[in-house]
């Protein structure tokens, strides 16, 4: 298929995040994770205790993130790490650990604005839950987005309320829809985070999810395969009854991702397909693949099937 026929107007067979970002900023931009000491309403008793069944935040927190270190210092350490590779690089402060809107607005302003004071920071990526944002916060982020790149990364996880309940998520899919619609309405970038392979769901559910998400104002999408991490409720459940879990082989998951992409709105920018946990924290599945290796395998499969993101997309 001619590359000009793709909605994203380049030769890759899906609307990939690196190309989108390079085109948007005209320079290399890197997220730098910071830990601002947030907790989660699903841990402190506000919504629940124990957190989501799959969650162990240590699986994605860089070593330079340290609560004894200020936001500015964490950012500088992260920037120093990445800036060795590329000159002229710009950065986004990535508030990643736990729920990064779960505090009074005045507290959030201090944290966000401390990050934005760094001369190489051009915006914020804020990881949160769809039930932990409100009108006042959105109004504030809308004002910030007039000057900076602002992204709210929303843990949607599933489109099925029965699944959200079973993983102790503490919010409904309707709340995710509201958050996506409200951010989009205000011109705030959003990213929907979804897990494929959650217990109780099957292939039909995952492909239906692609169609459901495609009808919503989703800017970016992060997918990842279900992983069992050490120190989680899910690990206990897995050890007690492995038969209730279906853990993908890499080949099976690649096939699912390609089928999912075919149904996905071509305007949605795909940030990632898989999650990588530190090997010492991973129970299963153990593929031994780096992210770039998996992406290459997906692209190879798209080419072999002569298909692309949105080929079977329907506006509904």
C-alpha atoms as a PDB file:
ATOM      1  CA  UNK A   1       0.000   0.000   0.000  1.00  0.00           C
ATOM      2  CA  UNK A   2       1.288   3.469  -0.884  1.00  0.00           C
ATOM      3  CA  UNK A   3       2.431   5.334   2.215  1.00  0.00           C
ATOM      4  CA  UNK A   4       0.430   8.428   1.218  1.00  0.00           C
ATOM      5  CA  UNK A   5      -2.728   6.371   1.635  1.00  0.00           C
ATOM      6  CA  UNK A   6      -2.120   5.948   5.364  1.00  0.00           C
ATOM      7  CA  UNK A   7      -3.864   8.531   7.542  1.00  0.00           C
ATOM      8  CA  UNK A   8      -0.547   9.283   9.299  1.00  0.00           C
ATOM      9  CA  UNK A   9       1.269   9.767   5.946  1.00  0.00           C
ATOM     10  CA  UNK A  10       4.412   7.742   6.465  1.00  0.00           C
ATOM     11  CA  UNK A  11       5.475   4.224   5.525  1.00  0.00           C
ATOM     12  CA  UNK A  12       5.111   2.448   8.890  1.00  0.00           C
ATOM     13  CA  UNK A  13       1.956   0.376   9.025  1.00  0.00           C
ATOM     14  CA  UNK A  14       0.666   1.874  12.232  1.00  0.00           C
ATOM     15  CA  UNK A  15       0.444   5.379  13.681  1.00  0.00           C
ATOM     16  CA  UNK A  16       3.556   5.115  15.816  1.00  0.00           C
ATOM     17  CA  UNK A  17       4.476   7.404  18.689  1.00  0.00           C
ATOM     18  CA  UNK A  18       8.170   8.142  17.922  1.00  0.00           C
ATOM     19  CA  UNK A  19       7.355   9.398  14.408  1.00  0.00           C
ATOM     20  CA  UNK A  20       4.420  11.437  15.718  1.00  0.00           C
ATOM     21  CA  UNK A  21       6.575  13.056  18.413  1.00  0.00           C
ATOM     22  CA  UNK A  22       9.445  13.797  16.041  1.00  0.00           C
ATOM     23  CA  UNK A  23       7.064  15.439  13.605  1.00  0.00           C
ATOM     24  CA  UNK A  24       5.368  17.434  16.377  1.00  0.00           C
ATOM     25  CA  UNK A  25       8.479  18.798  18.095  1.00  0.00           C
ATOM     26  CA  UNK A  26      11.038  18.722  15.239  1.00  0.00           C
ATOM     27  CA  UNK A  27      13.625  17.492  17.739  1.00  0.00           C
ATOM     28  CA  UNK A  28      14.187  14.497  19.999  1.00  0.00           C
ATOM     29  CA  UNK A  29      11.999  14.564  23.119  1.00  0.00           C
ATOM     30  CA  UNK A  30      12.400  12.195  26.055  1.00  0.00           C
ATOM     31  CA  UNK A  31      10.203  11.550  29.084  1.00  0.00           C
ATOM     32  CA  UNK A  32      12.017  11.775  32.426  1.00  0.00           C
ATOM     33  CA  UNK A  33      10.276   9.962  35.290  1.00  0.00           C
ATOM     34  CA  UNK A  34       9.850  11.649  38.654  1.00  0.00           C
ATOM     35  CA  UNK A  35       8.370  10.310  41.880  1.00  0.00           C
ATOM     36  CA  UNK A  36       6.470  13.014  43.732  1.00  0.00           C
ATOM     37  CA  UNK A  37       5.429  10.790  46.632  1.00  0.00           C
ATOM     38  CA  UNK A  38       1.818  10.253  45.639  1.00  0.00           C
ATOM     39  CA  UNK A  39      -0.269   7.364  46.888  1.00  0.00           C
ATOM     40  CA  UNK A  40      -3.503   6.013  45.419  1.00  0.00           C
ATOM     41  CA  UNK A  41      -7.158   6.105  46.557  1.00  0.00           C
ATOM     42  CA  UNK A  42      -7.207   2.370  45.991  1.00  0.00           C
ATOM     43  CA  UNK A  43      -4.477   1.929  48.610  1.00  0.00           C
ATOM     44  CA  UNK A  44      -5.141   4.500  51.318  1.00  0.00           C
ATOM     45  CA  UNK A  45      -8.732   3.445  51.987  1.00  0.00           C
ATOM     46  CA  UNK A  46     -10.469   6.238  50.074  1.00  0.00           C
ATOM     47  CA  UNK A  47     -11.610   3.795  47.386  1.00  0.00           C
ATOM     48  CA  UNK A  48     -10.078   0.592  48.660  1.00  0.00           C
ATOM     49  CA  UNK A  49      -7.004  -1.030  50.134  1.00  0.00           C
ATOM     50  CA  UNK A  50      -4.329  -3.242  48.661  1.00  0.00           C
ATOM     51  CA  UNK A  51      -4.403  -1.560  45.262  1.00  0.00           C
ATOM     52  CA  UNK A  52      -5.200  -3.133  41.922  1.00  0.00           C
ATOM     53  CA  UNK A  53      -4.496  -6.850  41.869  1.00  0.00           C
ATOM     54  CA  UNK A  54      -1.742  -6.551  39.237  1.00  0.00           C
ATOM     55  CA  UNK A  55       0.044  -3.487  40.629  1.00  0.00           C
ATOM     56  CA  UNK A  56       3.591  -3.245  41.900  1.00  0.00           C
ATOM     57  CA  UNK A  57       4.865   0.267  41.144  1.00  0.00           C
ATOM     58  CA  UNK A  58       8.483  -0.806  41.615  1.00  0.00           C
ATOM     59  CA  UNK A  59       8.325  -2.482  38.203  1.00  0.00           C
ATOM     60  CA  UNK A  60       8.514   0.821  36.342  1.00  0.00           C
ATOM     61  CA  UNK A  61      10.291   3.307  38.630  1.00  0.00           C
ATOM     62  CA  UNK A  62      13.836   4.300  37.542  1.00  0.00           C
ATOM     63  CA  UNK A  63      16.577   4.171  40.168  1.00  0.00           C
ATOM     64  CA  UNK A  64      17.047   7.946  40.173  1.00  0.00           C
ATOM     65  CA  UNK A  65      13.463   8.416  41.450  1.00  0.00           C
ATOM     66  CA  UNK A  66      13.853   8.920  45.173  1.00  0.00           C
ATOM     67  CA  UNK A  67      11.429  10.590  47.587  1.00  0.00           C
ATOM     68  CA  UNK A  68      14.353  12.144  49.425  1.00  0.00           C
ATOM     69  CA  UNK A  69      15.286  13.970  46.221  1.00  0.00           C
ATOM     70  CA  UNK A  70      13.365  17.031  45.023  1.00  0.00           C
ATOM     71  CA  UNK A  71      11.478  17.108  41.735  1.00  0.00           C
ATOM     72  CA  UNK A  72      14.101  19.458  40.292  1.00  0.00           C
ATOM     73  CA  UNK A  73      16.957  17.180  41.358  1.00  0.00           C
ATOM     74  CA  UNK A  74      15.272  14.043  40.019  1.00  0.00           C
ATOM     75  CA  UNK A  75      14.712  15.793  36.702  1.00  0.00           C
ATOM     76  CA  UNK A  76      18.308  16.943  36.495  1.00  0.00           C
ATOM     77  CA  UNK A  77      19.594  13.437  37.191  1.00  0.00           C
ATOM     78  CA  UNK A  78      17.314  12.002  34.501  1.00  0.00           C
ATOM     79  CA  UNK A  79      18.246  14.727  32.015  1.00  0.00           C
ATOM     80  CA  UNK A  80      21.950  14.154  32.664  1.00  0.00           C
ATOM     81  CA  UNK A  81      21.455  10.458  31.950  1.00  0.00           C
ATOM     82  CA  UNK A  82      19.706  10.983  28.601  1.00  0.00           C
ATOM     83  CA  UNK A  83      21.512  14.124  27.427  1.00  0.00           C
ATOM     84  CA  UNK A  84      24.768  12.172  27.039  1.00  0.00           C
ATOM     85  CA  UNK A  85      23.245  10.421  24.041  1.00  0.00           C
ATOM     86  CA  UNK A  86      21.811  13.369  22.113  1.00  0.00           C
ATOM     87  CA  UNK A  87      22.588  17.071  22.085  1.00  0.00           C
ATOM     88  CA  UNK A  88      19.745  19.565  21.822  1.00  0.00           C
ATOM     89  CA  UNK A  89      17.333  17.115  23.413  1.00  0.00           C
ATOM     90  CA  UNK A  90      14.181  18.396  25.132  1.00  0.00           C
ATOM     91  CA  UNK A  91      12.326  16.657  27.939  1.00  0.00           C
ATOM     92  CA  UNK A  92       8.918  16.015  29.453  1.00  0.00           C
ATOM     93  CA  UNK A  93       8.546  15.562  33.209  1.00  0.00           C
ATOM     94  CA  UNK A  94       6.800  12.213  33.629  1.00  0.00           C
ATOM     95  CA  UNK A  95       4.883  11.993  36.907  1.00  0.00           C
ATOM     96  CA  UNK A  96       4.611   8.221  36.791  1.00  0.00           C
ATOM     97  CA  UNK A  97       4.389   6.437  40.151  1.00  0.00           C
ATOM     98  CA  UNK A  98       0.907   5.843  41.585  1.00  0.00           C
ATOM     99  CA  UNK A  99      -1.847   8.483  41.081  1.00  0.00           C
ATOM    100  CA  UNK A 100      -0.287  11.817  40.202  1.00  0.00           C
ATOM    101  CA  UNK A 101      -3.380  13.983  40.523  1.00  0.00           C
ATOM    102  CA  UNK A 102      -4.326  12.612  43.936  1.00  0.00           C
ATOM    103  CA  UNK A 103      -3.689  15.704  46.077  1.00  0.00           C
ATOM    104  CA  UNK A 104      -5.222  19.149  46.616  1.00  0.00           C
ATOM    105  CA  UNK A 105      -4.899  21.358  43.534  1.00  0.00           C
ATOM    106  CA  UNK A 106      -2.637  23.859  45.291  1.00  0.00           C
ATOM    107  CA  UNK A 107      -0.183  21.057  46.104  1.00  0.00           C
ATOM    108  CA  UNK A 108      -0.307  19.784  42.528  1.00  0.00           C
ATOM    109  CA  UNK A 109       0.433  23.247  41.162  1.00  0.00           C
ATOM    110  CA  UNK A 110       3.597  23.494  43.264  1.00  0.00           C
ATOM    111  CA  UNK A 111       4.855  20.127  42.020  1.00  0.00           C
ATOM    112  CA  UNK A 112       3.976  20.607  38.361  1.00  0.00           C
ATOM    113  CA  UNK A 113       5.332  24.147  38.237  1.00  0.00           C
ATOM    114  CA  UNK A 114       8.579  23.121  39.925  1.00  0.00           C
ATOM    115  CA  UNK A 115       9.084  20.687  37.041  1.00  0.00           C
ATOM    116  CA  UNK A 116       8.197  23.284  34.409  1.00  0.00           C
ATOM    117  CA  UNK A 117      10.769  25.728  35.757  1.00  0.00           C
ATOM    118  CA  UNK A 118      13.598  23.593  34.364  1.00  0.00           C
ATOM    119  CA  UNK A 119      14.736  25.201  31.085  1.00  0.00           C
ATOM    120  CA  UNK A 120      14.840  21.907  29.198  1.00  0.00           C
ATOM    121  CA  UNK A 121      11.367  20.746  30.293  1.00  0.00           C
ATOM    122  CA  UNK A 122       8.743  21.528  27.664  1.00  0.00           C
ATOM    123  CA  UNK A 123       5.764  19.820  29.259  1.00  0.00           C
ATOM    124  CA  UNK A 124       4.252  17.280  31.626  1.00  0.00           C
ATOM    125  CA  UNK A 125       3.033  13.718  31.304  1.00  0.00           C
ATOM    126  CA  UNK A 126       0.831  12.934  34.294  1.00  0.00           C
ATOM    127  CA  UNK A 127      -0.124   9.340  35.028  1.00  0.00           C
ATOM    128  CA  UNK A 128      -3.404   9.056  36.916  1.00  0.00           C
ATOM    129  CA  UNK A 129      -6.771   7.367  37.309  1.00  0.00           C
ATOM    130  CA  UNK A 130      -9.900   8.561  35.489  1.00  0.00           C
ATOM    131  CA  UNK A 131     -11.697   8.950  38.835  1.00  0.00           C
ATOM    132  CA  UNK A 132      -8.987  11.260  40.238  1.00  0.00           C
ATOM    133  CA  UNK A 133      -9.475  14.308  38.060  1.00  0.00           C
ATOM    134  CA  UNK A 134     -12.072  17.038  38.397  1.00  0.00           C
ATOM    135  CA  UNK A 135     -13.214  20.224  36.667  1.00  0.00           C
ATOM    136  CA  UNK A 136     -10.856  22.541  38.583  1.00  0.00           C
ATOM    137  CA  UNK A 137      -7.814  20.432  37.788  1.00  0.00           C
ATOM    138  CA  UNK A 138      -8.830  20.202  34.145  1.00  0.00           C
ATOM    139  CA  UNK A 139      -9.324  23.964  33.955  1.00  0.00           C
ATOM    140  CA  UNK A 140      -5.805  24.462  35.355  1.00  0.00           C
ATOM    141  CA  UNK A 141      -4.245  21.945  32.951  1.00  0.00           C
ATOM    142  CA  UNK A 142      -6.111  23.549  30.067  1.00  0.00           C
ATOM    143  CA  UNK A 143      -4.433  26.867  30.916  1.00  0.00           C
ATOM    144  CA  UNK A 144      -1.029  25.183  31.193  1.00  0.00           C
ATOM    145  CA  UNK A 145      -1.515  23.498  27.824  1.00  0.00           C
ATOM    146  CA  UNK A 146      -1.601  26.900  26.133  1.00  0.00           C
ATOM    147  CA  UNK A 147       2.129  27.181  26.849  1.00  0.00           C
ATOM    148  CA  UNK A 148       3.342  23.601  27.422  1.00  0.00           C
ATOM    149  CA  UNK A 149       2.709  20.092  26.157  1.00  0.00           C
ATOM    150  CA  UNK A 150       0.357  18.504  28.704  1.00  0.00           C
ATOM    151  CA  UNK A 151      -0.627  14.833  28.641  1.00  0.00           C
ATOM    152  CA  UNK A 152      -2.914  13.019  31.068  1.00  0.00           C
ATOM    153  CA  UNK A 153      -2.179   9.295  30.975  1.00  0.00           C
ATOM    154  CA  UNK A 154      -5.316   7.517  32.167  1.00  0.00           C
ATOM    155  CA  UNK A 155      -5.375   3.990  33.565  1.00  0.00           C
ATOM    156  CA  UNK A 156      -8.453   2.661  31.760  1.00  0.00           C
ATOM    157  CA  UNK A 157      -7.212  -0.979  31.830  1.00  0.00           C
ATOM    158  CA  UNK A 158     -10.449  -2.565  30.548  1.00  0.00           C
ATOM    159  CA  UNK A 159     -13.741  -1.568  28.941  1.00  0.00           C
ATOM    160  CA  UNK A 160     -15.626  -4.174  30.983  1.00  0.00           C
ATOM    161  CA  UNK A 161     -16.935  -3.204  34.417  1.00  0.00           C
ATOM    162  CA  UNK A 162     -16.935  -6.848  35.491  1.00  0.00           C
ATOM    163  CA  UNK A 163     -13.174  -6.975  34.882  1.00  0.00           C
ATOM    164  CA  UNK A 164     -12.557  -3.638  36.596  1.00  0.00           C
ATOM    165  CA  UNK A 165     -14.366  -4.985  39.634  1.00  0.00           C
ATOM    166  CA  UNK A 166     -12.488  -8.287  39.640  1.00  0.00           C
ATOM    167  CA  UNK A 167      -9.069  -6.573  39.542  1.00  0.00           C
ATOM    168  CA  UNK A 168     -10.116  -4.241  42.387  1.00  0.00           C
ATOM    169  CA  UNK A 169      -9.736  -1.212  40.139  1.00  0.00           C
ATOM    170  CA  UNK A 170     -12.209   0.966  42.032  1.00  0.00           C
ATOM    171  CA  UNK A 171     -13.710   2.849  39.093  1.00  0.00           C
ATOM    172  CA  UNK A 172     -16.067   2.153  36.208  1.00  0.00           C
ATOM    173  CA  UNK A 173     -15.524   2.361  32.461  1.00  0.00           C
ATOM    174  CA  UNK A 174     -18.032   5.236  32.371  1.00  0.00           C
ATOM    175  CA  UNK A 175     -15.583   7.256  34.480  1.00  0.00           C
ATOM    176  CA  UNK A 176     -12.866   6.536  31.908  1.00  0.00           C
ATOM    177  CA  UNK A 177     -15.141   7.718  29.109  1.00  0.00           C
ATOM    178  CA  UNK A 178     -15.871  10.944  31.022  1.00  0.00           C
ATOM    179  CA  UNK A 179     -12.148  11.602  31.588  1.00  0.00           C
ATOM    180  CA  UNK A 180     -11.273  11.007  27.946  1.00  0.00           C
ATOM    181  CA  UNK A 181     -14.092  13.239  26.745  1.00  0.00           C
ATOM    182  CA  UNK A 182     -13.290  16.056  29.181  1.00  0.00           C
ATOM    183  CA  UNK A 183      -9.569  16.134  28.399  1.00  0.00           C
ATOM    184  CA  UNK A 184     -10.245  16.084  24.682  1.00  0.00           C
ATOM    185  CA  UNK A 185     -12.822  18.870  24.967  1.00  0.00           C
ATOM    186  CA  UNK A 186     -10.250  21.094  26.664  1.00  0.00           C
ATOM    187  CA  UNK A 187      -7.461  20.350  24.199  1.00  0.00           C
ATOM    188  CA  UNK A 188      -5.454  18.407  26.796  1.00  0.00           C
ATOM    189  CA  UNK A 189      -3.597  15.441  25.307  1.00  0.00           C
ATOM    190  CA  UNK A 190      -4.741  12.109  26.702  1.00  0.00           C
ATOM    191  CA  UNK A 191      -3.438   8.561  26.645  1.00  0.00           C
ATOM    192  CA  UNK A 192      -5.549   5.491  27.422  1.00  0.00           C
ATOM    193  CA  UNK A 193      -3.668   2.661  29.119  1.00  0.00           C
ATOM    194  CA  UNK A 194      -5.142  -0.825  28.552  1.00  0.00           C
ATOM    195  CA  UNK A 195      -4.109  -4.337  29.568  1.00  0.00           C
ATOM    196  CA  UNK A 196      -4.773  -7.287  27.261  1.00  0.00           C
ATOM    197  CA  UNK A 197      -5.144 -10.669  28.923  1.00  0.00           C
ATOM    198  CA  UNK A 198      -6.886  -9.825  32.180  1.00  0.00           C
ATOM    199  CA  UNK A 199      -8.582 -12.844  33.827  1.00  0.00           C
ATOM    200  CA  UNK A 200     -12.165 -13.411  32.720  1.00  0.00           C
ATOM    201  CA  UNK A 201     -11.686 -11.820  29.314  1.00  0.00           C
ATOM    202  CA  UNK A 202     -11.202 -13.551  25.976  1.00  0.00           C
ATOM    203  CA  UNK A 203     -10.127 -12.739  22.442  1.00  0.00           C
ATOM    204  CA  UNK A 204     -13.575 -11.517  21.464  1.00  0.00           C
ATOM    205  CA  UNK A 205     -13.534  -9.072  24.394  1.00  0.00           C
ATOM    206  CA  UNK A 206     -10.112  -7.688  23.428  1.00  0.00           C
ATOM    207  CA  UNK A 207     -11.051  -7.131  19.810  1.00  0.00           C
ATOM    208  CA  UNK A 208     -14.344  -5.576  20.841  1.00  0.00           C
ATOM    209  CA  UNK A 209     -12.319  -3.291  23.096  1.00  0.00           C
ATOM    210  CA  UNK A 210     -10.435  -1.981  20.049  1.00  0.00           C
ATOM    211  CA  UNK A 211     -13.738  -1.012  18.440  1.00  0.00           C
ATOM    212  CA  UNK A 212     -15.065   0.591  21.645  1.00  0.00           C
ATOM    213  CA  UNK A 213     -11.895   2.633  22.240  1.00  0.00           C
ATOM    214  CA  UNK A 214     -11.909   3.723  18.606  1.00  0.00           C
ATOM    215  CA  UNK A 215     -15.202   5.552  19.097  1.00  0.00           C
ATOM    216  CA  UNK A 216     -13.794   7.663  21.949  1.00  0.00           C
ATOM    217  CA  UNK A 217     -11.624  10.811  21.733  1.00  0.00           C
ATOM    218  CA  UNK A 218      -8.409   8.935  22.524  1.00  0.00           C
ATOM    219  CA  UNK A 219      -5.253  10.730  21.410  1.00  0.00           C
ATOM    220  CA  UNK A 220      -2.627   8.132  22.387  1.00  0.00           C
ATOM    221  CA  UNK A 221      -2.876   4.471  23.350  1.00  0.00           C
ATOM    222  CA  UNK A 222      -0.652   2.274  25.498  1.00  0.00           C
ATOM    223  CA  UNK A 223      -1.275  -1.460  25.349  1.00  0.00           C
ATOM    224  CA  UNK A 224       0.467  -4.101  27.318  1.00  0.00           C
ATOM    225  CA  UNK A 225       0.231  -7.820  27.870  1.00  0.00           C
ATOM    226  CA  UNK A 226      -0.867  -9.140  31.225  1.00  0.00           C
ATOM    227  CA  UNK A 227       2.189  -9.812  33.365  1.00  0.00           C
ATOM    228  CA  UNK A 228       2.305 -11.423  36.779  1.00  0.00           C
ATOM    229  CA  UNK A 229       4.587  -9.380  39.016  1.00  0.00           C
ATOM    230  CA  UNK A 230       6.034 -10.487  42.323  1.00  0.00           C
ATOM    231  CA  UNK A 231       4.469  -8.989  45.419  1.00  0.00           C
ATOM    232  CA  UNK A 232       0.988  -8.565  43.917  1.00  0.00           C
ATOM    233  CA  UNK A 233      -2.419 -10.023  44.661  1.00  0.00           C
ATOM    234  CA  UNK A 234      -2.375 -11.375  41.124  1.00  0.00           C
ATOM    235  CA  UNK A 235       0.726 -13.427  41.954  1.00  0.00           C
ATOM    236  CA  UNK A 236      -1.132 -15.066  44.850  1.00  0.00           C
ATOM    237  CA  UNK A 237      -4.145 -15.777  42.637  1.00  0.00           C
ATOM    238  CA  UNK A 238      -1.898 -17.183  39.907  1.00  0.00           C
ATOM    239  CA  UNK A 239      -0.084 -19.515  42.293  1.00  0.00           C
ATOM    240  CA  UNK A 240      -3.399 -20.804  43.683  1.00  0.00           C
ATOM    241  CA  UNK A 241      -5.118 -21.420  40.351  1.00  0.00           C
ATOM    242  CA  UNK A 242      -3.079 -21.070  37.158  1.00  0.00           C
ATOM    243  CA  UNK A 243      -5.961 -22.429  35.073  1.00  0.00           C
ATOM    244  CA  UNK A 244      -7.908 -19.164  35.436  1.00  0.00           C
ATOM    245  CA  UNK A 245      -5.083 -17.293  33.674  1.00  0.00           C
ATOM    246  CA  UNK A 246      -4.248 -17.236  29.997  1.00  0.00           C
ATOM    247  CA  UNK A 247      -0.727 -15.896  29.558  1.00  0.00           C
ATOM    248  CA  UNK A 248       0.166 -15.188  25.942  1.00  0.00           C
ATOM    249  CA  UNK A 249       3.140 -16.564  24.111  1.00  0.00           C
ATOM    250  CA  UNK A 250       4.943 -13.774  22.238  1.00  0.00           C
ATOM    251  CA  UNK A 251       3.704 -15.159  18.904  1.00  0.00           C
ATOM    252  CA  UNK A 252       0.106 -15.347  20.089  1.00  0.00           C
ATOM    253  CA  UNK A 253       0.230 -11.810  21.435  1.00  0.00           C
ATOM    254  CA  UNK A 254       1.714 -10.460  18.192  1.00  0.00           C
ATOM    255  CA  UNK A 255      -1.211 -12.003  16.297  1.00  0.00           C
ATOM    256  CA  UNK A 256      -3.662 -10.377  18.711  1.00  0.00           C
ATOM    257  CA  UNK A 257      -1.951  -6.981  18.461  1.00  0.00           C
ATOM    258  CA  UNK A 258      -2.148  -7.029  14.664  1.00  0.00           C
ATOM    259  CA  UNK A 259      -5.847  -7.980  14.785  1.00  0.00           C
ATOM    260  CA  UNK A 260      -6.391  -5.197  17.343  1.00  0.00           C
ATOM    261  CA  UNK A 261      -4.579  -2.648  15.169  1.00  0.00           C
ATOM    262  CA  UNK A 262      -6.728  -3.520  12.179  1.00  0.00           C
ATOM    263  CA  UNK A 263      -9.827  -2.450  14.122  1.00  0.00           C
ATOM    264  CA  UNK A 264      -8.249   0.608  15.716  1.00  0.00           C
ATOM    265  CA  UNK A 265      -9.055   4.165  14.665  1.00  0.00           C
ATOM    266  CA  UNK A 266      -6.096   5.238  12.474  1.00  0.00           C
ATOM    267  CA  UNK A 267      -6.029   8.652  14.165  1.00  0.00           C
ATOM    268  CA  UNK A 268      -4.998   7.102  17.505  1.00  0.00           C
ATOM    269  CA  UNK A 269      -1.246   7.290  18.124  1.00  0.00           C
ATOM    270  CA  UNK A 270       0.086   3.983  19.459  1.00  0.00           C
ATOM    271  CA  UNK A 271       2.747   4.513  22.134  1.00  0.00           C
ATOM    272  CA  UNK A 272       3.536   0.903  22.958  1.00  0.00           C
ATOM    273  CA  UNK A 273       2.431  -2.717  22.690  1.00  0.00           C
ATOM    274  CA  UNK A 274       4.172  -4.335  25.661  1.00  0.00           C
ATOM    275  CA  UNK A 275       5.375  -3.621  29.163  1.00  0.00           C
ATOM    276  CA  UNK A 276       8.819  -4.632  30.398  1.00  0.00           C
ATOM    277  CA  UNK A 277       9.299  -5.380  34.084  1.00  0.00           C
ATOM    278  CA  UNK A 278      12.695  -5.983  35.675  1.00  0.00           C
ATOM    279  CA  UNK A 279      13.417  -9.735  35.320  1.00  0.00           C
ATOM    280  CA  UNK A 280      13.791 -10.187  39.067  1.00  0.00           C
ATOM    281  CA  UNK A 281      10.225  -8.898  39.576  1.00  0.00           C
ATOM    282  CA  UNK A 282       8.552 -10.887  36.811  1.00  0.00           C
ATOM    283  CA  UNK A 283       6.793 -14.185  37.492  1.00  0.00           C
ATOM    284  CA  UNK A 284       5.332 -14.760  34.003  1.00  0.00           C
ATOM    285  CA  UNK A 285       5.296 -14.676  31.037  1.00  0.00           C
ATOM    286  CA  UNK A 286       9.035 -14.488  30.402  1.00  0.00           C
ATOM    287  CA  UNK A 287       9.564 -13.695  26.724  1.00  0.00           C
ATOM    288  CA  UNK A 288      13.064 -12.246  26.935  1.00  0.00           C
ATOM    289  CA  UNK A 289      12.205  -9.602  24.339  1.00  0.00           C
ATOM    290  CA  UNK A 290      13.126  -5.929  24.379  1.00  0.00           C
ATOM    291  CA  UNK A 291      10.498  -3.412  23.338  1.00  0.00           C
ATOM    292  CA  UNK A 292      12.234  -2.603  20.030  1.00  0.00           C
ATOM    293  CA  UNK A 293      12.472  -6.311  19.206  1.00  0.00           C
ATOM    294  CA  UNK A 294       8.762  -6.786  19.776  1.00  0.00           C
ATOM    295  CA  UNK A 295       7.906  -3.727  17.656  1.00  0.00           C
ATOM    296  CA  UNK A 296       9.997  -5.139  14.815  1.00  0.00           C
ATOM    297  CA  UNK A 297       8.111  -8.438  15.037  1.00  0.00           C
ATOM    298  CA  UNK A 298       4.747  -6.650  14.911  1.00  0.00           C
ATOM    299  CA  UNK A 299       5.834  -4.633  11.893  1.00  0.00           C
ATOM    300  CA  UNK A 300       7.065  -7.779  10.157  1.00  0.00           C
ATOM    301  CA  UNK A 301       3.711  -9.456  10.784  1.00  0.00           C
ATOM    302  CA  UNK A 302       1.790  -6.426   9.495  1.00  0.00           C
ATOM    303  CA  UNK A 303       3.849  -6.561   6.309  1.00  0.00           C
ATOM    304  CA  UNK A 304       3.436 -10.332   5.884  1.00  0.00           C
ATOM    305  CA  UNK A 305      -0.324  -9.991   6.238  1.00  0.00           C
ATOM    306  CA  UNK A 306      -0.338  -6.854   4.079  1.00  0.00           C
ATOM    307  CA  UNK A 307      -2.447  -5.059   6.672  1.00  0.00           C
ATOM    308  CA  UNK A 308      -2.276  -1.866   8.738  1.00  0.00           C
ATOM    309  CA  UNK A 309      -3.842   0.069  11.597  1.00  0.00           C
ATOM    310  CA  UNK A 310      -7.437   0.943  10.830  1.00  0.00           C
ATOM    311  CA  UNK A 311      -7.857  -1.350   7.829  1.00  0.00           C
ATOM    312  CA  UNK A 312     -11.072  -2.711   9.357  1.00  0.00           C
ATOM    313  CA  UNK A 313     -11.945   0.411  11.364  1.00  0.00           C
ATOM    314  CA  UNK A 314     -15.589   1.445  11.322  1.00  0.00           C
ATOM    315  CA  UNK A 315     -16.845   4.860  12.462  1.00  0.00           C
ATOM    316  CA  UNK A 316     -19.802   3.078  14.061  1.00  0.00           C
END
